[in-house]
Amino acid sequence: MIIAATYDNGEIFQHFGHTQQFKLYEIEGGKVVSSRIVDNGGAGHEALTVYLRNLGVTKLMCGGVGGGAIMALSQMGIEVYPGLSGNPDEYVMDVANGRIAPSMQSNCSHHGEHHSCHQ
């Protein structure tokens, strides 16, 4: 299983559509066997969802994410774990073992920016 986290400077990045990096975790036998940081692979929500699917990601840990992105990720077979913050290393095994549930609820806050996350 491959779990991804939006990533910036050791922490979960808080805006899925603007993330510049992902941290990928490969899980086997109930533990992390490898992790690596990759660039975002494209621009915009749709390109990011295809990129993650092509990397084999099945679960995404993130901070803020809009409903449209959650739907697109879901259509790619990727479960979304929104509303997380801090070091993704602290959450990855809880996500892998089902101790944190995925959500289809958007969690998007842009402090007054004009955006289309909820479309």
PDB file of N, CA and C in Angstrom:
ATOM      1  N   MET A   1       0.849  -1.172   0.000  1.00  0.00           N
ATOM      2  CA  MET A   1       0.000   0.000   0.000  1.00  0.00           C
ATOM      3  C   MET A   1       0.894   1.235   0.000  1.00  0.00           C
ATOM      4  N   ILE A   2       0.477   2.232  -0.768  1.00  0.00           N
ATOM      5  CA  ILE A   2       1.213   3.494  -0.794  1.00  0.00           C
ATOM      6  C   ILE A   2       0.298   4.599  -0.285  1.00  0.00           C
ATOM      7  N   ILE A   3       0.780   5.294   0.743  1.00  0.00           N
ATOM      8  CA  ILE A   3       0.058   6.412   1.331  1.00  0.00           C
ATOM      9  C   ILE A   3       0.854   7.682   1.024  1.00  0.00           C
ATOM     10  N   ALA A   4       0.159   8.718   0.590  1.00  0.00           N
ATOM     11  CA  ALA A   4       0.806  10.000   0.295  1.00  0.00           C
ATOM     12  C   ALA A   4       0.341  11.053   1.294  1.00  0.00           C
ATOM     13  N   ALA A   5       1.188  12.035   1.502  1.00  0.00           N
ATOM     14  CA  ALA A   5       0.827  13.211   2.298  1.00  0.00           C
ATOM     15  C   ALA A   5       1.241  14.453   1.527  1.00  0.00           C
ATOM     16  N   THR A   6       0.364  15.462   1.507  1.00  0.00           N
ATOM     17  CA  THR A   6       0.812  16.764   1.006  1.00  0.00           C
ATOM     18  C   THR A   6       1.940  17.175   1.932  1.00  0.00           C
ATOM     19  N   TYR A   7       2.979  17.811   1.398  1.00  0.00           N
ATOM     20  CA  TYR A   7       4.196  17.944   2.204  1.00  0.00           C
ATOM     21  C   TYR A   7       4.907  19.266   1.953  1.00  0.00           C
ATOM     22  N   ASP A   8       5.372  19.864   3.047  1.00  0.00           N
ATOM     23  CA  ASP A   8       6.202  21.062   2.959  1.00  0.00           C
ATOM     24  C   ASP A   8       7.004  21.207   4.247  1.00  0.00           C
ATOM     25  N   ASN A   9       8.302  21.181   4.128  1.00  0.00           N
ATOM     26  CA  ASN A   9       9.196  21.461   5.249  1.00  0.00           C
ATOM     27  C   ASN A   9       8.896  20.607   6.486  1.00  0.00           C
ATOM     28  N   GLY A  10       8.671  19.303   6.268  1.00  0.00           N
ATOM     29  CA  GLY A  10       8.471  18.374   7.374  1.00  0.00           C
ATOM     30  C   GLY A  10       7.066  18.272   7.912  1.00  0.00           C
ATOM     31  N   GLU A  11       6.126  19.008   7.290  1.00  0.00           N
ATOM     32  CA  GLU A  11       4.757  19.001   7.785  1.00  0.00           C
ATOM     33  C   GLU A  11       3.758  18.790   6.644  1.00  0.00           C
ATOM     34  N   ILE A  12       2.545  18.428   7.026  1.00  0.00           N
ATOM     35  CA  ILE A  12       1.464  18.283   6.053  1.00  0.00           C
ATOM     36  C   ILE A  12       1.115  19.663   5.526  1.00  0.00           C
ATOM     37  N   PHE A  13       1.203  19.827   4.209  1.00  0.00           N
ATOM     38  CA  PHE A  13       0.864  21.101   3.580  1.00  0.00           C
ATOM     39  C   PHE A  13      -0.644  21.287   3.629  1.00  0.00           C
ATOM     40  N   GLN A  14      -1.096  22.506   3.832  1.00  0.00           N
ATOM     41  CA  GLN A  14      -2.501  22.754   4.132  1.00  0.00           C
ATOM     42  C   GLN A  14      -3.405  23.073   2.943  1.00  0.00           C
ATOM     43  N   HIS A  15      -2.905  23.023   1.712  1.00  0.00           N
ATOM     44  CA  HIS A  15      -3.776  23.266   0.550  1.00  0.00           C
ATOM     45  C   HIS A  15      -3.413  22.269  -0.544  1.00  0.00           C
ATOM     46  N   PHE A  16      -4.219  21.226  -0.667  1.00  0.00           N
ATOM     47  CA  PHE A  16      -3.948  20.152  -1.610  1.00  0.00           C
ATOM     48  C   PHE A  16      -3.592  20.661  -3.007  1.00  0.00           C
ATOM     49  N   GLY A  17      -4.402  21.538  -3.556  1.00  0.00           N
ATOM     50  CA  GLY A  17      -4.216  21.998  -4.933  1.00  0.00           C
ATOM     51  C   GLY A  17      -2.967  22.826  -5.174  1.00  0.00           C
ATOM     52  N   HIS A  18      -2.326  23.276  -4.108  1.00  0.00           N
ATOM     53  CA  HIS A  18      -1.124  24.097  -4.248  1.00  0.00           C
ATOM     54  C   HIS A  18       0.130  23.409  -3.726  1.00  0.00           C
ATOM     55  N   THR A  19       0.002  22.158  -3.323  1.00  0.00           N
ATOM     56  CA  THR A  19       1.169  21.467  -2.771  1.00  0.00           C
ATOM     57  C   THR A  19       2.253  21.323  -3.833  1.00  0.00           C
ATOM     58  N   GLN A  20       3.475  21.531  -3.425  1.00  0.00           N
ATOM     59  CA  GLN A  20       4.610  21.382  -4.337  1.00  0.00           C
ATOM     60  C   GLN A  20       5.279  20.023  -4.200  1.00  0.00           C
ATOM     61  N   GLN A  21       5.014  19.338  -3.081  1.00  0.00           N
ATOM     62  CA  GLN A  21       5.629  18.034  -2.840  1.00  0.00           C
ATOM     63  C   GLN A  21       4.650  17.107  -2.133  1.00  0.00           C
ATOM     64  N   PHE A  22       4.910  15.813  -2.290  1.00  0.00           N
ATOM     65  CA  PHE A  22       4.218  14.775  -1.539  1.00  0.00           C
ATOM     66  C   PHE A  22       5.267  13.918  -0.857  1.00  0.00           C
ATOM     67  N   LYS A  23       4.931  13.434   0.329  1.00  0.00           N
ATOM     68  CA  LYS A  23       5.754  12.418   0.953  1.00  0.00           C
ATOM     69  C   LYS A  23       5.011  11.108   0.770  1.00  0.00           C
ATOM     70  N   LEU A  24       5.687  10.125   0.188  1.00  0.00           N
ATOM     71  CA  LEU A  24       5.096   8.820  -0.080  1.00  0.00           C
ATOM     72  C   LEU A  24       5.635   7.804   0.907  1.00  0.00           C
ATOM     73  N   TYR A  25       4.739   6.977   1.411  1.00  0.00           N
ATOM     74  CA  TYR A  25       5.088   5.912   2.344  1.00  0.00           C
ATOM     75  C   TYR A  25       4.667   4.582   1.739  1.00  0.00           C
ATOM     76  N   GLU A  26       5.575   3.631   1.682  1.00  0.00           N
ATOM     77  CA  GLU A  26       5.229   2.280   1.259  1.00  0.00           C
ATOM     78  C   GLU A  26       5.046   1.444   2.514  1.00  0.00           C
ATOM     79  N   ILE A  27       3.869   0.835   2.634  1.00  0.00           N
ATOM     80  CA  ILE A  27       3.506   0.052   3.812  1.00  0.00           C
ATOM     81  C   ILE A  27       3.438  -1.422   3.412  1.00  0.00           C
ATOM     82  N   GLU A  28       4.150  -2.261   4.131  1.00  0.00           N
ATOM     83  CA  GLU A  28       4.094  -3.718   3.936  1.00  0.00           C
ATOM     84  C   GLU A  28       4.202  -4.379   5.298  1.00  0.00           C
ATOM     85  N   GLY A  29       3.436  -5.441   5.494  1.00  0.00           N
ATOM     86  CA  GLY A  29       3.528  -6.186   6.738  1.00  0.00           C
ATOM     87  C   GLY A  29       3.265  -5.351   7.974  1.00  0.00           C
ATOM     88  N   GLY A  30       2.416  -4.342   7.848  1.00  0.00           N
ATOM     89  CA  GLY A  30       2.055  -3.526   8.996  1.00  0.00           C
ATOM     90  C   GLY A  30       3.081  -2.499   9.419  1.00  0.00           C
ATOM     91  N   LYS A  31       4.048  -2.200   8.540  1.00  0.00           N
ATOM     92  CA  LYS A  31       5.014  -1.158   8.894  1.00  0.00           C
ATOM     93  C   LYS A  31       5.489  -0.413   7.656  1.00  0.00           C
ATOM     94  N   VAL A  32       6.059   0.756   7.882  1.00  0.00           N
ATOM     95  CA  VAL A  32       6.618   1.555   6.798  1.00  0.00           C
ATOM     96  C   VAL A  32       7.930   0.916   6.376  1.00  0.00           C
ATOM     97  N   VAL A  33       8.013   0.508   5.097  1.00  0.00           N
ATOM     98  CA  VAL A  33       9.255  -0.093   4.601  1.00  0.00           C
ATOM     99  C   VAL A  33      10.102   0.916   3.842  1.00  0.00           C
ATOM    100  N   SER A  34       9.484   2.009   3.385  1.00  0.00           N
ATOM    101  CA  SER A  34      10.252   3.071   2.738  1.00  0.00           C
ATOM    102  C   SER A  34       9.409   4.337   2.691  1.00  0.00           C
ATOM    103  N   SER A  35      10.093   5.459   2.571  1.00  0.00           N
ATOM    104  CA  SER A  35       9.410   6.734   2.350  1.00  0.00           C
ATOM    105  C   SER A  35      10.312   7.597   1.489  1.00  0.00           C
ATOM    106  N   ARG A  36       9.685   8.476   0.733  1.00  0.00           N
ATOM    107  CA  ARG A  36      10.436   9.386  -0.122  1.00  0.00           C
ATOM    108  C   ARG A  36       9.595  10.611  -0.399  1.00  0.00           C
ATOM    109  N   ILE A  37      10.267  11.683  -0.775  1.00  0.00           N
ATOM    110  CA  ILE A  37       9.596  12.932  -1.118  1.00  0.00           C
ATOM    111  C   ILE A  37       9.693  13.117  -2.628  1.00  0.00           C
ATOM    112  N   VAL A  38       8.551  13.427  -3.247  1.00  0.00           N
ATOM    113  CA  VAL A  38       8.509  13.646  -4.696  1.00  0.00           C
ATOM    114  C   VAL A  38       7.889  15.006  -4.983  1.00  0.00           C
ATOM    115  N   ASP A  39       8.252  15.593  -6.119  1.00  0.00           N
ATOM    116  CA  ASP A  39       7.616  16.834  -6.549  1.00  0.00           C
ATOM    117  C   ASP A  39       6.182  16.544  -6.955  1.00  0.00           C
ATOM    118  N   ASN A  40       5.385  17.592  -7.126  1.00  0.00           N
ATOM    119  CA  ASN A  40       3.955  17.416  -7.330  1.00  0.00           C
ATOM    120  C   ASN A  40       3.562  16.809  -8.677  1.00  0.00           C
ATOM    121  N   GLY A  41       4.397  16.819  -9.669  1.00  0.00           N
ATOM    122  CA  GLY A  41       4.099  16.141 -10.930  1.00  0.00           C
ATOM    123  C   GLY A  41       3.136  16.859 -11.843  1.00  0.00           C
ATOM    124  N   GLY A  42       2.695  18.052 -11.501  1.00  0.00           N
ATOM    125  CA  GLY A  42       1.766  18.762 -12.374  1.00  0.00           C
ATOM    126  C   GLY A  42       1.159  19.937 -11.657  1.00  0.00           C
ATOM    127  N   ALA A  43       0.221  20.573 -12.308  1.00  0.00           N
ATOM    128  CA  ALA A  43      -0.420  21.733 -11.709  1.00  0.00           C
ATOM    129  C   ALA A  43      -1.919  21.523 -11.682  1.00  0.00           C
ATOM    130  N   GLY A  44      -2.540  21.909 -10.600  1.00  0.00           N
ATOM    131  CA  GLY A  44      -3.991  21.834 -10.490  1.00  0.00           C
ATOM    132  C   GLY A  44      -4.473  20.509  -9.942  1.00  0.00           C
ATOM    133  N   HIS A  45      -5.708  20.538  -9.480  1.00  0.00           N
ATOM    134  CA  HIS A  45      -6.285  19.383  -8.808  1.00  0.00           C
ATOM    135  C   HIS A  45      -6.326  18.134  -9.687  1.00  0.00           C
ATOM    136  N   GLU A  46      -6.783  18.272 -10.931  1.00  0.00           N
ATOM    137  CA  GLU A  46      -6.931  17.100 -11.796  1.00  0.00           C
ATOM    138  C   GLU A  46      -5.585  16.459 -12.093  1.00  0.00           C
ATOM    139  N   ALA A  47      -4.585  17.255 -12.416  1.00  0.00           N
ATOM    140  CA  ALA A  47      -3.252  16.705 -12.696  1.00  0.00           C
ATOM    141  C   ALA A  47      -2.692  16.008 -11.462  1.00  0.00           C
ATOM    142  N   LEU A  48      -2.935  16.569 -10.291  1.00  0.00           N
ATOM    143  CA  LEU A  48      -2.431  15.953  -9.059  1.00  0.00           C
ATOM    144  C   LEU A  48      -3.097  14.609  -8.790  1.00  0.00           C
ATOM    145  N   THR A  49      -4.393  14.505  -9.062  1.00  0.00           N
ATOM    146  CA  THR A  49      -5.081  13.231  -8.808  1.00  0.00           C
ATOM    147  C   THR A  49      -4.577  12.136  -9.733  1.00  0.00           C
ATOM    148  N   VAL A  50      -4.372  12.462 -10.995  1.00  0.00           N
ATOM    149  CA  VAL A  50      -3.850  11.480 -11.958  1.00  0.00           C
ATOM    150  C   VAL A  50      -2.423  11.088 -11.574  1.00  0.00           C
ATOM    151  N   TYR A  51      -1.623  12.059 -11.202  1.00  0.00           N
ATOM    152  CA  TYR A  51      -0.244  11.816 -10.795  1.00  0.00           C
ATOM    153  C   TYR A  51      -0.201  10.844  -9.602  1.00  0.00           C
ATOM    154  N   LEU A  52      -1.021  11.098  -8.585  1.00  0.00           N
ATOM    155  CA  LEU A  52      -1.041  10.221  -7.415  1.00  0.00           C
ATOM    156  C   LEU A  52      -1.490   8.808  -7.779  1.00  0.00           C
ATOM    157  N   ARG A  53      -2.523   8.712  -8.610  1.00  0.00           N
ATOM    158  CA  ARG A  53      -2.977   7.384  -9.042  1.00  0.00           C
ATOM    159  C   ARG A  53      -1.860   6.648  -9.770  1.00  0.00           C
ATOM    160  N   ASN A  54      -1.146   7.347 -10.644  1.00  0.00           N
ATOM    161  CA  ASN A  54      -0.067   6.710 -11.401  1.00  0.00           C
ATOM    162  C   ASN A  54       1.097   6.275 -10.514  1.00  0.00           C
ATOM    163  N   LEU A  55       1.242   6.892  -9.346  1.00  0.00           N
ATOM    164  CA  LEU A  55       2.260   6.478  -8.383  1.00  0.00           C
ATOM    165  C   LEU A  55       1.803   5.280  -7.546  1.00  0.00           C
ATOM    166  N   GLY A  56       0.534   4.896  -7.689  1.00  0.00           N
ATOM    167  CA  GLY A  56       0.003   3.763  -6.927  1.00  0.00           C
ATOM    168  C   GLY A  56      -0.565   4.137  -5.568  1.00  0.00           C
ATOM    169  N   VAL A  57      -0.781   5.434  -5.348  1.00  0.00           N
ATOM    170  CA  VAL A  57      -1.309   5.903  -4.072  1.00  0.00           C
ATOM    171  C   VAL A  57      -2.757   5.453  -3.905  1.00  0.00           C
ATOM    172  N   THR A  58      -3.084   4.948  -2.712  1.00  0.00           N
ATOM    173  CA  THR A  58      -4.458   4.549  -2.401  1.00  0.00           C
ATOM    174  C   THR A  58      -5.055   5.367  -1.262  1.00  0.00           C
ATOM    175  N   LYS A  59      -4.213   6.119  -0.540  1.00  0.00           N
ATOM    176  CA  LYS A  59      -4.686   6.944   0.568  1.00  0.00           C
ATOM    177  C   LYS A  59      -3.891   8.254   0.562  1.00  0.00           C
ATOM    178  N   LEU A  60      -4.589   9.379   0.837  1.00  0.00           N
ATOM    179  CA  LEU A  60      -3.946  10.687   0.855  1.00  0.00           C
ATOM    180  C   LEU A  60      -4.231  11.386   2.172  1.00  0.00           C
ATOM    181  N   MET A  61      -3.172  11.756   2.888  1.00  0.00           N
ATOM    182  CA  MET A  61      -3.283  12.581   4.085  1.00  0.00           C
ATOM    183  C   MET A  61      -3.058  14.027   3.661  1.00  0.00           C
ATOM    184  N   CYS A  62      -3.927  14.936   4.130  1.00  0.00           N
ATOM    185  CA  CYS A  62      -3.782  16.324   3.727  1.00  0.00           C
ATOM    186  C   CYS A  62      -4.416  17.237   4.756  1.00  0.00           C
ATOM    187  N   GLY A  63      -4.177  18.529   4.581  1.00  0.00           N
ATOM    188  CA  GLY A  63      -4.820  19.535   5.415  1.00  0.00           C
ATOM    189  C   GLY A  63      -6.111  19.944   4.744  1.00  0.00           C
ATOM    190  N   GLY A  64      -6.104  21.125   4.120  1.00  0.00           N
ATOM    191  CA  GLY A  64      -7.282  21.619   3.434  1.00  0.00           C
ATOM    192  C   GLY A  64      -7.431  21.015   2.054  1.00  0.00           C
ATOM    193  N   VAL A  65      -8.663  20.658   1.719  1.00  0.00           N
ATOM    194  CA  VAL A  65      -8.979  20.105   0.405  1.00  0.00           C
ATOM    195  C   VAL A  65     -10.459  20.358   0.132  1.00  0.00           C
ATOM    196  N   GLY A  66     -10.765  20.747  -1.081  1.00  0.00           N
ATOM    197  CA  GLY A  66     -12.147  21.035  -1.441  1.00  0.00           C
ATOM    198  C   GLY A  66     -12.907  19.806  -1.901  1.00  0.00           C
ATOM    199  N   GLY A  67     -14.199  19.968  -1.977  1.00  0.00           N
ATOM    200  CA  GLY A  67     -15.071  18.865  -2.360  1.00  0.00           C
ATOM    201  C   GLY A  67     -14.809  18.320  -3.755  1.00  0.00           C
ATOM    202  N   GLY A  68     -14.487  19.213  -4.699  1.00  0.00           N
ATOM    203  CA  GLY A  68     -14.193  18.755  -6.059  1.00  0.00           C
ATOM    204  C   GLY A  68     -12.966  17.874  -6.115  1.00  0.00           C
ATOM    205  N   ALA A  69     -11.946  18.257  -5.373  1.00  0.00           N
ATOM    206  CA  ALA A  69     -10.720  17.450  -5.337  1.00  0.00           C
ATOM    207  C   ALA A  69     -10.979  16.112  -4.659  1.00  0.00           C
ATOM    208  N   ILE A  70     -11.779  16.114  -3.584  1.00  0.00           N
ATOM    209  CA  ILE A  70     -12.095  14.852  -2.912  1.00  0.00           C
ATOM    210  C   ILE A  70     -12.822  13.913  -3.860  1.00  0.00           C
ATOM    211  N   MET A  71     -13.769  14.450  -4.620  1.00  0.00           N
ATOM    212  CA  MET A  71     -14.502  13.615  -5.585  1.00  0.00           C
ATOM    213  C   MET A  71     -13.560  13.064  -6.657  1.00  0.00           C
ATOM    214  N   ALA A  72     -12.673  13.918  -7.181  1.00  0.00           N
ATOM    215  CA  ALA A  72     -11.729  13.474  -8.209  1.00  0.00           C
ATOM    216  C   ALA A  72     -10.802  12.394  -7.661  1.00  0.00           C
ATOM    217  N   LEU A  73     -10.308  12.584  -6.442  1.00  0.00           N
ATOM    218  CA  LEU A  73      -9.444  11.578  -5.828  1.00  0.00           C
ATOM    219  C   LEU A  73     -10.203  10.270  -5.616  1.00  0.00           C
ATOM    220  N   SER A  74     -11.428  10.378  -5.147  1.00  0.00           N
ATOM    221  CA  SER A  74     -12.255   9.196  -4.925  1.00  0.00           C
ATOM    222  C   SER A  74     -12.470   8.421  -6.222  1.00  0.00           C
ATOM    223  N   GLN A  75     -12.695   9.150  -7.315  1.00  0.00           N
ATOM    224  CA  GLN A  75     -12.885   8.502  -8.615  1.00  0.00           C
ATOM    225  C   GLN A  75     -11.627   7.785  -9.082  1.00  0.00           C
ATOM    226  N   MET A  76     -10.479   8.196  -8.559  1.00  0.00           N
ATOM    227  CA  MET A  76      -9.204   7.537  -8.874  1.00  0.00           C
ATOM    228  C   MET A  76      -8.915   6.385  -7.915  1.00  0.00           C
ATOM    229  N   GLY A  77      -9.846   6.137  -6.986  1.00  0.00           N
ATOM    230  CA  GLY A  77      -9.660   5.060  -6.019  1.00  0.00           C
ATOM    231  C   GLY A  77      -8.784   5.446  -4.845  1.00  0.00           C
ATOM    232  N   ILE A  78      -8.666   6.750  -4.580  1.00  0.00           N
ATOM    233  CA  ILE A  78      -7.816   7.246  -3.492  1.00  0.00           C
ATOM    234  C   ILE A  78      -8.701   7.753  -2.354  1.00  0.00           C
ATOM    235  N   GLU A  79      -8.534   7.163  -1.162  1.00  0.00           N
ATOM    236  CA  GLU A  79      -9.242   7.626   0.017  1.00  0.00           C
ATOM    237  C   GLU A  79      -8.551   8.885   0.539  1.00  0.00           C
ATOM    238  N   VAL A  80      -9.340   9.843   1.053  1.00  0.00           N
ATOM    239  CA  VAL A  80      -8.800  11.113   1.505  1.00  0.00           C
ATOM    240  C   VAL A  80      -8.980  11.243   3.019  1.00  0.00           C
ATOM    241  N   TYR A  81      -7.907  11.701   3.656  1.00  0.00           N
ATOM    242  CA  TYR A  81      -7.870  11.925   5.104  1.00  0.00           C
ATOM    243  C   TYR A  81      -7.565  13.412   5.325  1.00  0.00           C
ATOM    244  N   PRO A  82      -8.599  14.276   5.229  1.00  0.00           N
ATOM    245  CA  PRO A  82      -8.389  15.726   5.317  1.00  0.00           C
ATOM    246  C   PRO A  82      -8.322  16.218   6.749  1.00  0.00           C
ATOM    247  N   GLY A  83      -7.880  17.463   6.900  1.00  0.00           N
ATOM    248  CA  GLY A  83      -7.902  18.131   8.185  1.00  0.00           C
ATOM    249  C   GLY A  83      -6.736  17.794   9.098  1.00  0.00           C
ATOM    250  N   LEU A  84      -5.704  17.154   8.557  1.00  0.00           N
ATOM    251  CA  LEU A  84      -4.545  16.795   9.365  1.00  0.00           C
ATOM    252  C   LEU A  84      -3.506  17.907   9.314  1.00  0.00           C
ATOM    253  N   SER A  85      -2.708  18.006  10.356  1.00  0.00           N
ATOM    254  CA  SER A  85      -1.627  18.987  10.383  1.00  0.00           C
ATOM    255  C   SER A  85      -0.457  18.416  11.167  1.00  0.00           C
ATOM    256  N   GLY A  86       0.703  19.030  10.982  1.00  0.00           N
ATOM    257  CA  GLY A  86       1.902  18.567  11.676  1.00  0.00           C
ATOM    258  C   GLY A  86       2.669  17.559  10.836  1.00  0.00           C
ATOM    259  N   ASN A  87       3.483  16.763  11.503  1.00  0.00           N
ATOM    260  CA  ASN A  87       4.349  15.789  10.838  1.00  0.00           C
ATOM    261  C   ASN A  87       3.537  14.585  10.352  1.00  0.00           C
ATOM    262  N   PRO A  88       3.549  14.283   9.048  1.00  0.00           N
ATOM    263  CA  PRO A  88       2.769  13.152   8.551  1.00  0.00           C
ATOM    264  C   PRO A  88       3.251  11.806   9.090  1.00  0.00           C
ATOM    265  N   ASP A  89       4.509  11.725   9.523  1.00  0.00           N
ATOM    266  CA  ASP A  89       5.016  10.479  10.098  1.00  0.00           C
ATOM    267  C   ASP A  89       4.180  10.064  11.307  1.00  0.00           C
ATOM    268  N   GLU A  90       3.596  11.027  11.991  1.00  0.00           N
ATOM    269  CA  GLU A  90       2.805  10.746  13.186  1.00  0.00           C
ATOM    270  C   GLU A  90       1.446  10.120  12.868  1.00  0.00           C
ATOM    271  N   TYR A  91       0.971  10.259  11.631  1.00  0.00           N
ATOM    272  CA  TYR A  91      -0.353   9.766  11.252  1.00  0.00           C
ATOM    273  C   TYR A  91      -0.327   8.517  10.376  1.00  0.00           C
ATOM    274  N   VAL A  92       0.763   8.270   9.708  1.00  0.00           N
ATOM    275  CA  VAL A  92       0.743   7.284   8.621  1.00  0.00           C
ATOM    276  C   VAL A  92       0.302   5.897   9.075  1.00  0.00           C
ATOM    277  N   MET A  93       0.740   5.424  10.212  1.00  0.00           N
ATOM    278  CA  MET A  93       0.334   4.083  10.635  1.00  0.00           C
ATOM    279  C   MET A  93      -1.113   4.070  11.132  1.00  0.00           C
ATOM    280  N   ASP A  94      -1.603   5.170  11.690  1.00  0.00           N
ATOM    281  CA  ASP A  94      -3.018   5.244  12.065  1.00  0.00           C
ATOM    282  C   ASP A  94      -3.899   5.178  10.824  1.00  0.00           C
ATOM    283  N   VAL A  95      -3.479   5.831   9.748  1.00  0.00           N
ATOM    284  CA  VAL A  95      -4.213   5.759   8.484  1.00  0.00           C
ATOM    285  C   VAL A  95      -4.128   4.339   7.923  1.00  0.00           C
ATOM    286  N   ALA A  96      -2.939   3.776   7.885  1.00  0.00           N
ATOM    287  CA  ALA A  96      -2.750   2.433   7.320  1.00  0.00           C
ATOM    288  C   ALA A  96      -3.566   1.383   8.061  1.00  0.00           C
ATOM    289  N   ASN A  97      -3.690   1.528   9.378  1.00  0.00           N
ATOM    290  CA  ASN A  97      -4.394   0.532  10.189  1.00  0.00           C
ATOM    291  C   ASN A  97      -5.851   0.860  10.458  1.00  0.00           C
ATOM    292  N   GLY A  98      -6.376   1.907   9.827  1.00  0.00           N
ATOM    293  CA  GLY A  98      -7.783   2.241   9.959  1.00  0.00           C
ATOM    294  C   GLY A  98      -8.165   2.927  11.259  1.00  0.00           C
ATOM    295  N   ARG A  99      -7.195   3.430  12.007  1.00  0.00           N
ATOM    296  CA  ARG A  99      -7.506   4.136  13.251  1.00  0.00           C
ATOM    297  C   ARG A  99      -7.949   5.571  12.991  1.00  0.00           C
ATOM    298  N   ILE A 100      -7.679   6.074  11.791  1.00  0.00           N
ATOM    299  CA  ILE A 100      -8.220   7.346  11.329  1.00  0.00           C
ATOM    300  C   ILE A 100      -9.069   7.017  10.109  1.00  0.00           C
ATOM    301  N   ALA A 101     -10.290   7.528  10.081  1.00  0.00           N
ATOM    302  CA  ALA A 101     -11.214   7.222   8.988  1.00  0.00           C
ATOM    303  C   ALA A 101     -11.078   8.230   7.850  1.00  0.00           C
ATOM    304  N   PRO A 102     -11.245   7.753   6.615  1.00  0.00           N
ATOM    305  CA  PRO A 102     -11.269   8.693   5.487  1.00  0.00           C
ATOM    306  C   PRO A 102     -12.545   9.527   5.555  1.00  0.00           C
ATOM    307  N   SER A 103     -12.557  10.627   4.797  1.00  0.00           N
ATOM    308  CA  SER A 103     -13.723  11.503   4.802  1.00  0.00           C
ATOM    309  C   SER A 103     -13.970  12.066   3.407  1.00  0.00           C
ATOM    310  N   MET A 104     -15.225  12.233   3.087  1.00  0.00           N
ATOM    311  CA  MET A 104     -15.621  12.900   1.846  1.00  0.00           C
ATOM    312  C   MET A 104     -15.977  14.361   2.120  1.00  0.00           C
ATOM    313  N   GLN A 105     -15.796  14.804   3.361  1.00  0.00           N
ATOM    314  CA  GLN A 105     -16.125  16.165   3.777  1.00  0.00           C
ATOM    315  C   GLN A 105     -14.985  17.116   3.416  1.00  0.00           C
ATOM    316  N   SER A 106     -15.287  18.166   2.670  1.00  0.00           N
ATOM    317  CA  SER A 106     -14.248  19.129   2.325  1.00  0.00           C
ATOM    318  C   SER A 106     -13.781  19.850   3.578  1.00  0.00           C
ATOM    319  N   ASN A 107     -12.544  20.244   3.526  1.00  0.00           N
ATOM    320  CA  ASN A 107     -11.931  20.966   4.647  1.00  0.00           C
ATOM    321  C   ASN A 107     -11.042  22.018   4.005  1.00  0.00           C
ATOM    322  N   CYS A 108     -11.667  23.088   3.568  1.00  0.00           N
ATOM    323  CA  CYS A 108     -10.965  24.068   2.748  1.00  0.00           C
ATOM    324  C   CYS A 108     -11.116  25.440   3.364  1.00  0.00           C
ATOM    325  N   SER A 109     -10.001  26.071   3.675  1.00  0.00           N
ATOM    326  CA  SER A 109     -10.030  27.416   4.246  1.00  0.00           C
ATOM    327  C   SER A 109      -8.895  28.222   3.633  1.00  0.00           C
ATOM    328  N   HIS A 110      -9.244  29.252   2.893  1.00  0.00           N
ATOM    329  CA  HIS A 110      -8.226  30.028   2.188  1.00  0.00           C
ATOM    330  C   HIS A 110      -8.158  31.477   2.635  1.00  0.00           C
ATOM    331  N   HIS A 111      -8.698  31.759   3.791  1.00  0.00           N
ATOM    332  CA  HIS A 111      -8.585  33.100   4.354  1.00  0.00           C
ATOM    333  C   HIS A 111      -9.003  34.196   3.369  1.00  0.00           C
ATOM    334  N   GLY A 112     -10.156  33.990   2.718  1.00  0.00           N
ATOM    335  CA  GLY A 112     -10.707  35.020   1.865  1.00  0.00           C
ATOM    336  C   GLY A 112     -10.259  35.002   0.414  1.00  0.00           C
ATOM    337  N   GLU A 113      -9.408  34.054   0.036  1.00  0.00           N
ATOM    338  CA  GLU A 113      -8.992  33.972  -1.376  1.00  0.00           C
ATOM    339  C   GLU A 113     -10.194  33.600  -2.240  1.00  0.00           C
ATOM    340  N   HIS A 114     -10.169  34.026  -3.497  1.00  0.00           N
ATOM    341  CA  HIS A 114     -11.169  33.580  -4.463  1.00  0.00           C
ATOM    342  C   HIS A 114     -10.648  32.286  -5.073  1.00  0.00           C
ATOM    343  N   HIS A 115     -11.453  31.243  -4.986  1.00  0.00           N
ATOM    344  CA  HIS A 115     -11.001  29.941  -5.475  1.00  0.00           C
ATOM    345  C   HIS A 115     -12.204  29.092  -5.840  1.00  0.00           C
ATOM    346  N   SER A 116     -11.943  27.914  -6.369  1.00  0.00           N
ATOM    347  CA  SER A 116     -13.029  27.054  -6.838  1.00  0.00           C
ATOM    348  C   SER A 116     -13.011  25.681  -6.182  1.00  0.00           C
ATOM    349  N   CYS A 117     -12.564  25.570  -4.964  1.00  0.00           N
ATOM    350  CA  CYS A 117     -12.465  24.276  -4.300  1.00  0.00           C
ATOM    351  C   CYS A 117     -13.816  23.595  -4.125  1.00  0.00           C
ATOM    352  N   HIS A 118     -14.886  24.369  -3.971  1.00  0.00           N
ATOM    353  CA  HIS A 118     -16.180  23.769  -3.639  1.00  0.00           C
ATOM    354  C   HIS A 118     -17.074  23.573  -4.851  1.00  0.00           C
ATOM    355  N   GLN A 119     -16.523  23.724  -6.022  1.00  0.00           N
ATOM    356  CA  GLN A 119     -17.337  23.559  -7.227  1.00  0.00           C
ATOM    357  C   GLN A 119     -17.334  22.129  -7.681  1.00  0.00           C
TER     358      GLN A 119
END
